């Protein structure tokens, strides 16, 4: 019995299942959330302090840092990154 998936890539598997874009978006959010959390640690800043600087609630910061919540606007991500001394770079490739 021949395995039809031998030799295929993970990317092609995701495309065939129709979930490649969702997986990519989830991965991007996971990375950004992780990097923001690391910056908070490095700067010894609490979520409450970040919320005050962003002029938002602690719950909004929790959503921002939640890798499973992809309903965060680019404006919010950019503002948070800027307050932490970082920039967000997006590319179309």
PDB file of N, CA and C in Angstrom:
ATOM      1  N   UNK A   1       0.838  -1.183   0.000  1.00  0.00           N
ATOM      2  CA  UNK A   1       0.000   0.000   0.000  1.00  0.00           C
ATOM      3  C   UNK A   1       0.883   1.247   0.000  1.00  0.00           C
ATOM      4  N   UNK A   2       0.685   2.103  -0.937  1.00  0.00           N
ATOM      5  CA  UNK A   2       1.497   3.300  -1.077  1.00  0.00           C
ATOM      6  C   UNK A   2       0.870   4.446  -0.277  1.00  0.00           C
ATOM      7  N   UNK A   3       1.713   5.166   0.469  1.00  0.00           N
ATOM      8  CA  UNK A   3       1.249   6.317   1.250  1.00  0.00           C
ATOM      9  C   UNK A   3       1.276   7.543   0.355  1.00  0.00           C
ATOM     10  N   UNK A   4       0.116   8.143   0.130  1.00  0.00           N
ATOM     11  CA  UNK A   4       0.028   9.286  -0.788  1.00  0.00           C
ATOM     12  C   UNK A   4       0.666  10.553  -0.221  1.00  0.00           C
ATOM     13  N   UNK A   5       0.974  10.592   1.085  1.00  0.00           N
ATOM     14  CA  UNK A   5       1.516  11.795   1.697  1.00  0.00           C
ATOM     15  C   UNK A   5       3.038  11.806   1.779  1.00  0.00           C
ATOM     16  N   UNK A   6       3.658  10.682   1.485  1.00  0.00           N
ATOM     17  CA  UNK A   6       5.115  10.645   1.514  1.00  0.00           C
ATOM     18  C   UNK A   6       5.641  11.566   0.418  1.00  0.00           C
ATOM     19  N   UNK A   7       6.551  12.429   0.824  1.00  0.00           N
ATOM     20  CA  UNK A   7       7.144  13.367  -0.125  1.00  0.00           C
ATOM     21  C   UNK A   7       6.426  14.696  -0.217  1.00  0.00           C
ATOM     22  N   UNK A   8       5.226  14.784   0.341  1.00  0.00           N
ATOM     23  CA  UNK A   8       4.534  16.072   0.302  1.00  0.00           C
ATOM     24  C   UNK A   8       5.014  16.927   1.474  1.00  0.00           C
ATOM     25  N   UNK A   9       4.869  18.247   1.335  1.00  0.00           N
ATOM     26  CA  UNK A   9       5.323  19.147   2.387  1.00  0.00           C
ATOM     27  C   UNK A   9       4.180  19.444   3.358  1.00  0.00           C
ATOM     28  N   UNK A  10       4.557  19.921   4.517  1.00  0.00           N
ATOM     29  CA  UNK A  10       3.557  20.307   5.508  1.00  0.00           C
ATOM     30  C   UNK A  10       2.713  21.462   4.969  1.00  0.00           C
ATOM     31  N   UNK A  11       3.365  22.368   4.260  1.00  0.00           N
ATOM     32  CA  UNK A  11       2.661  23.503   3.669  1.00  0.00           C
ATOM     33  C   UNK A  11       1.602  23.034   2.669  1.00  0.00           C
ATOM     34  N   UNK A  12       1.940  22.060   1.855  1.00  0.00           N
ATOM     35  CA  UNK A  12       0.952  21.563   0.890  1.00  0.00           C
ATOM     36  C   UNK A  12      -0.184  20.835   1.604  1.00  0.00           C
ATOM     37  N   UNK A  13       0.134  20.154   2.709  1.00  0.00           N
ATOM     38  CA  UNK A  13      -0.905  19.524   3.512  1.00  0.00           C
ATOM     39  C   UNK A  13      -1.887  20.565   4.034  1.00  0.00           C
ATOM     40  N   UNK A  14      -1.357  21.679   4.560  1.00  0.00           N
ATOM     41  CA  UNK A  14      -2.222  22.743   5.075  1.00  0.00           C
ATOM     42  C   UNK A  14      -3.069  23.351   3.963  1.00  0.00           C
ATOM     43  N   UNK A  15      -2.464  23.517   2.798  1.00  0.00           N
ATOM     44  CA  UNK A  15      -3.212  24.052   1.647  1.00  0.00           C
ATOM     45  C   UNK A  15      -4.341  23.115   1.258  1.00  0.00           C
ATOM     46  N   UNK A  16      -4.054  21.832   1.206  1.00  0.00           N
ATOM     47  CA  UNK A  16      -5.074  20.846   0.829  1.00  0.00           C
ATOM     48  C   UNK A  16      -6.235  20.849   1.811  1.00  0.00           C
ATOM     49  N   UNK A  17      -5.942  21.049   3.087  1.00  0.00           N
ATOM     50  CA  UNK A  17      -6.991  21.098   4.104  1.00  0.00           C
ATOM     51  C   UNK A  17      -7.676  22.463   4.166  1.00  0.00           C
ATOM     52  N   UNK A  18      -7.145  23.448   3.432  1.00  0.00           N
ATOM     53  CA  UNK A  18      -7.739  24.779   3.401  1.00  0.00           C
ATOM     54  C   UNK A  18      -7.529  25.581   4.675  1.00  0.00           C
ATOM     55  N   UNK A  19      -6.450  25.279   5.402  1.00  0.00           N
ATOM     56  CA  UNK A  19      -6.223  25.979   6.668  1.00  0.00           C
ATOM     57  C   UNK A  19      -4.878  26.699   6.733  1.00  0.00           C
ATOM     58  N   UNK A  20      -4.200  26.787   5.613  1.00  0.00           N
ATOM     59  CA  UNK A  20      -2.865  27.374   5.610  1.00  0.00           C
ATOM     60  C   UNK A  20      -2.870  28.819   6.103  1.00  0.00           C
ATOM     61  N   UNK A  21      -3.778  29.643   5.628  1.00  0.00           N
ATOM     62  CA  UNK A  21      -3.819  31.051   6.027  1.00  0.00           C
ATOM     63  C   UNK A  21      -4.124  31.202   7.512  1.00  0.00           C
ATOM     64  N   UNK A  22      -5.052  30.387   8.022  1.00  0.00           N
ATOM     65  CA  UNK A  22      -5.383  30.451   9.446  1.00  0.00           C
ATOM     66  C   UNK A  22      -4.198  30.035  10.305  1.00  0.00           C
ATOM     67  N   UNK A  23      -3.487  29.006   9.894  1.00  0.00           N
ATOM     68  CA  UNK A  23      -2.320  28.537  10.641  1.00  0.00           C
ATOM     69  C   UNK A  23      -1.227  29.601  10.619  1.00  0.00           C
ATOM     70  N   UNK A  24      -1.002  30.210   9.457  1.00  0.00           N
ATOM     71  CA  UNK A  24       0.007  31.267   9.354  1.00  0.00           C
ATOM     72  C   UNK A  24      -0.351  32.461  10.233  1.00  0.00           C
ATOM     73  N   UNK A  25      -1.612  32.875  10.212  1.00  0.00           N
ATOM     74  CA  UNK A  25      -2.048  34.010  11.037  1.00  0.00           C
ATOM     75  C   UNK A  25      -1.884  33.687  12.516  1.00  0.00           C
ATOM     76  N   UNK A  26      -2.236  32.474  12.891  1.00  0.00           N
ATOM     77  CA  UNK A  26      -2.078  32.058  14.279  1.00  0.00           C
ATOM     78  C   UNK A  26      -0.622  32.056  14.712  1.00  0.00           C
ATOM     79  N   UNK A  27       0.248  31.625  13.821  1.00  0.00           N
ATOM     80  CA  UNK A  27       1.681  31.595  14.132  1.00  0.00           C
ATOM     81  C   UNK A  27       2.229  33.010  14.301  1.00  0.00           C
ATOM     82  N   UNK A  28       1.812  33.919  13.451  1.00  0.00           N
ATOM     83  CA  UNK A  28       2.260  35.314  13.552  1.00  0.00           C
ATOM     84  C   UNK A  28       1.808  35.907  14.881  1.00  0.00           C
ATOM     85  N   UNK A  29       0.543  35.702  15.238  1.00  0.00           N
ATOM     86  CA  UNK A  29       0.031  36.239  16.501  1.00  0.00           C
ATOM     87  C   UNK A  29       0.765  35.625  17.686  1.00  0.00           C
ATOM     88  N   UNK A  30       1.049  34.349  17.625  1.00  0.00           N
ATOM     89  CA  UNK A  30       1.783  33.672  18.691  1.00  0.00           C
ATOM     90  C   UNK A  30       3.161  34.309  18.882  1.00  0.00           C
ATOM     91  N   UNK A  31       3.849  34.552  17.794  1.00  0.00           N
ATOM     92  CA  UNK A  31       5.194  35.136  17.858  1.00  0.00           C
ATOM     93  C   UNK A  31       5.139  36.558  18.407  1.00  0.00           C
ATOM     94  N   UNK A  32       4.199  37.362  17.917  1.00  0.00           N
ATOM     95  CA  UNK A  32       4.101  38.745  18.385  1.00  0.00           C
ATOM     96  C   UNK A  32       3.733  38.782  19.864  1.00  0.00           C
ATOM     97  N   UNK A  33       2.788  37.958  20.284  1.00  0.00           N
ATOM     98  CA  UNK A  33       2.393  37.916  21.697  1.00  0.00           C
ATOM     99  C   UNK A  33       3.597  37.529  22.559  1.00  0.00           C
ATOM    100  N   UNK A  34       4.351  36.543  22.126  1.00  0.00           N
ATOM    101  CA  UNK A  34       5.537  36.107  22.867  1.00  0.00           C
ATOM    102  C   UNK A  34       6.564  37.236  22.956  1.00  0.00           C
ATOM    103  N   UNK A  35       6.823  37.909  21.842  1.00  0.00           N
ATOM    104  CA  UNK A  35       7.811  38.985  21.832  1.00  0.00           C
ATOM    105  C   UNK A  35       7.372  40.149  22.723  1.00  0.00           C
ATOM    106  N   UNK A  36       6.093  40.479  22.715  1.00  0.00           N
ATOM    107  CA  UNK A  36       5.597  41.544  23.588  1.00  0.00           C
ATOM    108  C   UNK A  36       5.753  41.149  25.057  1.00  0.00           C
ATOM    109  N   UNK A  37       5.439  39.916  25.386  1.00  0.00           N
ATOM    110  CA  UNK A  37       5.600  39.450  26.768  1.00  0.00           C
ATOM    111  C   UNK A  37       7.066  39.503  27.199  1.00  0.00           C
ATOM    112  N   UNK A  38       7.965  39.140  26.306  1.00  0.00           N
ATOM    113  CA  UNK A  38       9.390  39.194  26.622  1.00  0.00           C
ATOM    114  C   UNK A  38       9.851  40.633  26.854  1.00  0.00           C
ATOM    115  N   UNK A  39       9.330  41.561  26.068  1.00  0.00           N
ATOM    116  CA  UNK A  39       9.673  42.975  26.256  1.00  0.00           C
ATOM    117  C   UNK A  39       9.161  43.485  27.595  1.00  0.00           C
ATOM    118  N   UNK A  40       7.951  43.064  27.981  1.00  0.00           N
ATOM    119  CA  UNK A  40       7.420  43.456  29.287  1.00  0.00           C
ATOM    120  C   UNK A  40       8.347  42.967  30.401  1.00  0.00           C
ATOM    121  N   UNK A  41       8.791  41.722  30.294  1.00  0.00           N
ATOM    122  CA  UNK A  41       9.704  41.168  31.304  1.00  0.00           C
ATOM    123  C   UNK A  41      11.016  41.942  31.328  1.00  0.00           C
ATOM    124  N   UNK A  42      11.560  42.196  30.150  1.00  0.00           N
ATOM    125  CA  UNK A  42      12.851  42.884  30.060  1.00  0.00           C
ATOM    126  C   UNK A  42      12.779  44.284  30.656  1.00  0.00           C
ATOM    127  N   UNK A  43      11.649  44.944  30.467  1.00  0.00           N
ATOM    128  CA  UNK A  43      11.484  46.311  30.968  1.00  0.00           C
ATOM    129  C   UNK A  43      10.889  46.334  32.380  1.00  0.00           C
ATOM    130  N   UNK A  44      10.681  45.154  32.956  1.00  0.00           N
ATOM    131  CA  UNK A  44      10.099  45.035  34.296  1.00  0.00           C
ATOM    132  C   UNK A  44       8.793  45.822  34.394  1.00  0.00           C
ATOM    133  N   UNK A  45       7.951  45.639  33.388  1.00  0.00           N
ATOM    134  CA  UNK A  45       6.681  46.344  33.300  1.00  0.00           C
ATOM    135  C   UNK A  45       5.538  45.358  33.492  1.00  0.00           C
ATOM    136  N   UNK A  46       4.519  45.778  34.216  1.00  0.00           N
ATOM    137  CA  UNK A  46       3.356  44.923  34.424  1.00  0.00           C
ATOM    138  C   UNK A  46       2.329  45.152  33.320  1.00  0.00           C
ATOM    139  N   UNK A  47       1.395  44.230  33.227  1.00  0.00           N
ATOM    140  CA  UNK A  47       0.295  44.385  32.266  1.00  0.00           C
ATOM    141  C   UNK A  47      -0.526  45.622  32.606  1.00  0.00           C
ATOM    142  N   UNK A  48      -0.679  45.894  33.883  1.00  0.00           N
ATOM    143  CA  UNK A  48      -1.440  47.068  34.314  1.00  0.00           C
ATOM    144  C   UNK A  48      -0.744  48.349  33.859  1.00  0.00           C
ATOM    145  N   UNK A  49       0.577  48.388  33.987  1.00  0.00           N
ATOM    146  CA  UNK A  49       1.321  49.569  33.532  1.00  0.00           C
ATOM    147  C   UNK A  49       1.206  49.743  32.028  1.00  0.00           C
ATOM    148  N   UNK A  50       1.286  48.645  31.287  1.00  0.00           N
ATOM    149  CA  UNK A  50       1.128  48.726  29.837  1.00  0.00           C
ATOM    150  C   UNK A  50      -0.275  49.216  29.483  1.00  0.00           C
ATOM    151  N   UNK A  51      -1.270  48.721  30.189  1.00  0.00           N
ATOM    152  CA  UNK A  51      -2.650  49.158  29.944  1.00  0.00           C
ATOM    153  C   UNK A  51      -2.786  50.663  30.161  1.00  0.00           C
ATOM    154  N   UNK A  52      -2.159  51.181  31.201  1.00  0.00           N
ATOM    155  CA  UNK A  52      -2.224  52.619  31.465  1.00  0.00           C
ATOM    156  C   UNK A  52      -1.565  53.408  30.345  1.00  0.00           C
ATOM    157  N   UNK A  53      -0.409  52.938  29.880  1.00  0.00           N
ATOM    158  CA  UNK A  53       0.279  53.628  28.780  1.00  0.00           C
ATOM    159  C   UNK A  53      -0.522  53.572  27.482  1.00  0.00           C
ATOM    160  N   UNK A  54      -1.212  52.443  27.264  1.00  0.00           N
ATOM    161  CA  UNK A  54      -2.028  52.290  26.059  1.00  0.00           C
ATOM    162  C   UNK A  54      -3.381  52.972  26.190  1.00  0.00           C
ATOM    163  N   UNK A  55      -3.670  53.461  27.399  1.00  0.00           N
ATOM    164  CA  UNK A  55      -4.971  54.080  27.700  1.00  0.00           C
ATOM    165  C   UNK A  55      -6.100  53.113  27.398  1.00  0.00           C
ATOM    166  N   UNK A  56      -5.943  51.901  27.946  1.00  0.00           N
ATOM    167  CA  UNK A  56      -6.930  50.852  27.741  1.00  0.00           C
ATOM    168  C   UNK A  56      -7.052  50.038  29.030  1.00  0.00           C
ATOM    169  N   UNK A  57      -7.821  48.995  28.978  1.00  0.00           N
ATOM    170  CA  UNK A  57      -8.033  48.158  30.160  1.00  0.00           C
ATOM    171  C   UNK A  57      -7.009  47.029  30.239  1.00  0.00           C
ATOM    172  N   UNK A  58      -6.903  46.468  31.409  1.00  0.00           N
ATOM    173  CA  UNK A  58      -6.027  45.302  31.604  1.00  0.00           C
ATOM    174  C   UNK A  58      -6.558  44.129  30.770  1.00  0.00           C
ATOM    175  N   UNK A  59      -7.889  44.029  30.647  1.00  0.00           N
ATOM    176  CA  UNK A  59      -8.484  42.958  29.840  1.00  0.00           C
ATOM    177  C   UNK A  59      -8.049  43.078  28.377  1.00  0.00           C
ATOM    178  N   UNK A  60      -7.957  44.314  27.877  1.00  0.00           N
ATOM    179  CA  UNK A  60      -7.514  44.522  26.496  1.00  0.00           C
ATOM    180  C   UNK A  60      -6.056  44.098  26.329  1.00  0.00           C
ATOM    181  N   UNK A  61      -5.233  44.355  27.332  1.00  0.00           N
ATOM    182  CA  UNK A  61      -3.834  43.930  27.281  1.00  0.00           C
ATOM    183  C   UNK A  61      -3.765  42.409  27.315  1.00  0.00           C
ATOM    184  N   UNK A  62      -4.606  41.779  28.121  1.00  0.00           N
ATOM    185  CA  UNK A  62      -4.636  40.317  28.145  1.00  0.00           C
ATOM    186  C   UNK A  62      -4.982  39.757  26.772  1.00  0.00           C
ATOM    187  N   UNK A  63      -5.935  40.389  26.078  1.00  0.00           N
ATOM    188  CA  UNK A  63      -6.284  39.940  24.718  1.00  0.00           C
ATOM    189  C   UNK A  63      -5.102  40.149  23.772  1.00  0.00           C
ATOM    190  N   UNK A  64      -4.411  41.269  23.930  1.00  0.00           N
ATOM    191  CA  UNK A  64      -3.250  41.567  23.098  1.00  0.00           C
ATOM    192  C   UNK A  64      -2.159  40.505  23.272  1.00  0.00           C
ATOM    193  N   UNK A  65      -1.967  40.062  24.497  1.00  0.00           N
ATOM    194  CA  UNK A  65      -0.910  39.098  24.798  1.00  0.00           C
ATOM    195  C   UNK A  65      -1.358  37.653  24.676  1.00  0.00           C
ATOM    196  N   UNK A  66      -2.625  37.442  24.391  1.00  0.00           N
ATOM    197  CA  UNK A  66      -3.157  36.082  24.241  1.00  0.00           C
ATOM    198  C   UNK A  66      -2.850  35.578  22.836  1.00  0.00           C
ATOM    199  N   UNK A  67      -1.992  34.553  22.713  1.00  0.00           N
ATOM    200  CA  UNK A  67      -1.622  34.068  21.381  1.00  0.00           C
ATOM    201  C   UNK A  67      -2.791  33.459  20.614  1.00  0.00           C
ATOM    202  N   UNK A  68      -3.865  33.104  21.312  1.00  0.00           N
ATOM    203  CA  UNK A  68      -5.026  32.508  20.641  1.00  0.00           C
ATOM    204  C   UNK A  68      -6.065  33.532  20.216  1.00  0.00           C
ATOM    205  N   UNK A  69      -5.868  34.783  20.576  1.00  0.00           N
ATOM    206  CA  UNK A  69      -6.816  35.832  20.217  1.00  0.00           C
ATOM    207  C   UNK A  69      -6.260  36.612  19.029  1.00  0.00           C
ATOM    208  N   UNK A  70      -6.823  36.380  17.854  1.00  0.00           N
ATOM    209  CA  UNK A  70      -6.327  37.067  16.658  1.00  0.00           C
ATOM    210  C   UNK A  70      -7.184  38.261  16.277  1.00  0.00           C
ATOM    211  N   UNK A  71      -8.038  38.718  17.194  1.00  0.00           N
ATOM    212  CA  UNK A  71      -8.912  39.855  16.917  1.00  0.00           C
ATOM    213  C   UNK A  71      -8.303  41.158  17.442  1.00  0.00           C
ATOM    214  N   UNK A  72      -6.999  41.292  17.312  1.00  0.00           N
ATOM    215  CA  UNK A  72      -6.298  42.489  17.750  1.00  0.00           C
ATOM    216  C   UNK A  72      -5.977  43.312  16.510  1.00  0.00           C
ATOM    217  N   UNK A  73      -6.201  44.621  16.592  1.00  0.00           N
ATOM    218  CA  UNK A  73      -5.956  45.463  15.426  1.00  0.00           C
ATOM    219  C   UNK A  73      -4.468  45.747  15.253  1.00  0.00           C
ATOM    220  N   UNK A  74      -4.091  46.058  14.042  1.00  0.00           N
ATOM    221  CA  UNK A  74      -2.703  46.439  13.773  1.00  0.00           C
ATOM    222  C   UNK A  74      -2.349  47.713  14.525  1.00  0.00           C
ATOM    223  N   UNK A  75      -3.308  48.610  14.665  1.00  0.00           N
ATOM    224  CA  UNK A  75      -3.077  49.864  15.396  1.00  0.00           C
ATOM    225  C   UNK A  75      -2.669  49.570  16.844  1.00  0.00           C
ATOM    226  N   UNK A  76      -3.385  48.650  17.484  1.00  0.00           N
ATOM    227  CA  UNK A  76      -3.077  48.290  18.867  1.00  0.00           C
ATOM    228  C   UNK A  76      -1.710  47.632  18.964  1.00  0.00           C
ATOM    229  N   UNK A  77      -1.408  46.727  18.042  1.00  0.00           N
ATOM    230  CA  UNK A  77      -0.095  46.075  18.042  1.00  0.00           C
ATOM    231  C   UNK A  77       1.021  47.098  17.850  1.00  0.00           C
ATOM    232  N   UNK A  78       0.812  48.013  16.927  1.00  0.00           N
ATOM    233  CA  UNK A  78       1.826  49.030  16.649  1.00  0.00           C
ATOM    234  C   UNK A  78       2.035  49.934  17.859  1.00  0.00           C
ATOM    235  N   UNK A  79       0.955  50.350  18.482  1.00  0.00           N
ATOM    236  CA  UNK A  79       1.038  51.227  19.638  1.00  0.00           C
ATOM    237  C   UNK A  79       1.771  50.537  20.789  1.00  0.00           C
ATOM    238  N   UNK A  80       1.439  49.279  21.047  1.00  0.00           N
ATOM    239  CA  UNK A  80       2.096  48.527  22.116  1.00  0.00           C
ATOM    240  C   UNK A  80       3.585  48.370  21.820  1.00  0.00           C
ATOM    241  N   UNK A  81       3.914  48.020  20.593  1.00  0.00           N
ATOM    242  CA  UNK A  81       5.312  47.844  20.215  1.00  0.00           C
ATOM    243  C   UNK A  81       6.086  49.153  20.382  1.00  0.00           C
ATOM    244  N   UNK A  82       5.494  50.248  19.953  1.00  0.00           N
ATOM    245  CA  UNK A  82       6.146  51.549  20.063  1.00  0.00           C
ATOM    246  C   UNK A  82       6.394  51.920  21.515  1.00  0.00           C
ATOM    247  N   UNK A  83       5.414  51.685  22.378  1.00  0.00           N
ATOM    248  CA  UNK A  83       5.581  51.984  23.799  1.00  0.00           C
ATOM    249  C   UNK A  83       6.685  51.147  24.431  1.00  0.00           C
ATOM    250  N   UNK A  84       6.938  49.975  23.865  1.00  0.00           N
ATOM    251  CA  UNK A  84       7.991  49.099  24.380  1.00  0.00           C
ATOM    252  C   UNK A  84       9.316  49.312  23.647  1.00  0.00           C
ATOM    253  N   UNK A  85       9.357  50.344  22.792  1.00  0.00           N
ATOM    254  CA  UNK A  85      10.591  50.667  22.085  1.00  0.00           C
ATOM    255  C   UNK A  85      10.875  49.781  20.894  1.00  0.00           C
ATOM    256  N   UNK A  86       9.837  49.177  20.335  1.00  0.00           N
ATOM    257  CA  UNK A  86       9.998  48.268  19.204  1.00  0.00           C
ATOM    258  C   UNK A  86       9.144  48.730  18.033  1.00  0.00           C
ATOM    259  N   UNK A  87       9.334  48.085  16.890  1.00  0.00           N
ATOM    260  CA  UNK A  87       8.555  48.349  15.687  1.00  0.00           C
ATOM    261  C   UNK A  87       8.008  47.033  15.158  1.00  0.00           C
ATOM    262  N   UNK A  88       6.889  47.115  14.475  1.00  0.00           N
ATOM    263  CA  UNK A  88       6.337  45.936  13.802  1.00  0.00           C
ATOM    264  C   UNK A  88       6.572  46.112  12.319  1.00  0.00           C
ATOM    265  N   UNK A  89       7.102  45.078  11.692  1.00  0.00           N
ATOM    266  CA  UNK A  89       7.344  45.098  10.258  1.00  0.00           C
ATOM    267  C   UNK A  89       6.525  43.998   9.619  1.00  0.00           C
ATOM    268  N   UNK A  90       5.689  44.385   8.654  1.00  0.00           N
ATOM    269  CA  UNK A  90       4.885  43.428   7.905  1.00  0.00           C
ATOM    270  C   UNK A  90       5.389  43.401   6.484  1.00  0.00           C
ATOM    271  N   UNK A  91       5.357  42.224   5.887  1.00  0.00           N
ATOM    272  CA  UNK A  91       5.795  42.075   4.510  1.00  0.00           C
ATOM    273  C   UNK A  91       4.798  41.245   3.722  1.00  0.00           C
ATOM    274  N   UNK A  92       4.647  41.599   2.479  1.00  0.00           N
ATOM    275  CA  UNK A  92       3.938  40.745   1.535  1.00  0.00           C
ATOM    276  C   UNK A  92       4.997  40.054   0.705  1.00  0.00           C
ATOM    277  N   UNK A  93       4.967  38.742   0.735  1.00  0.00           N
ATOM    278  CA  UNK A  93       5.996  38.009  -0.019  1.00  0.00           C
ATOM    279  C   UNK A  93       5.324  37.036  -0.952  1.00  0.00           C
TER     280      UNK A  93
END
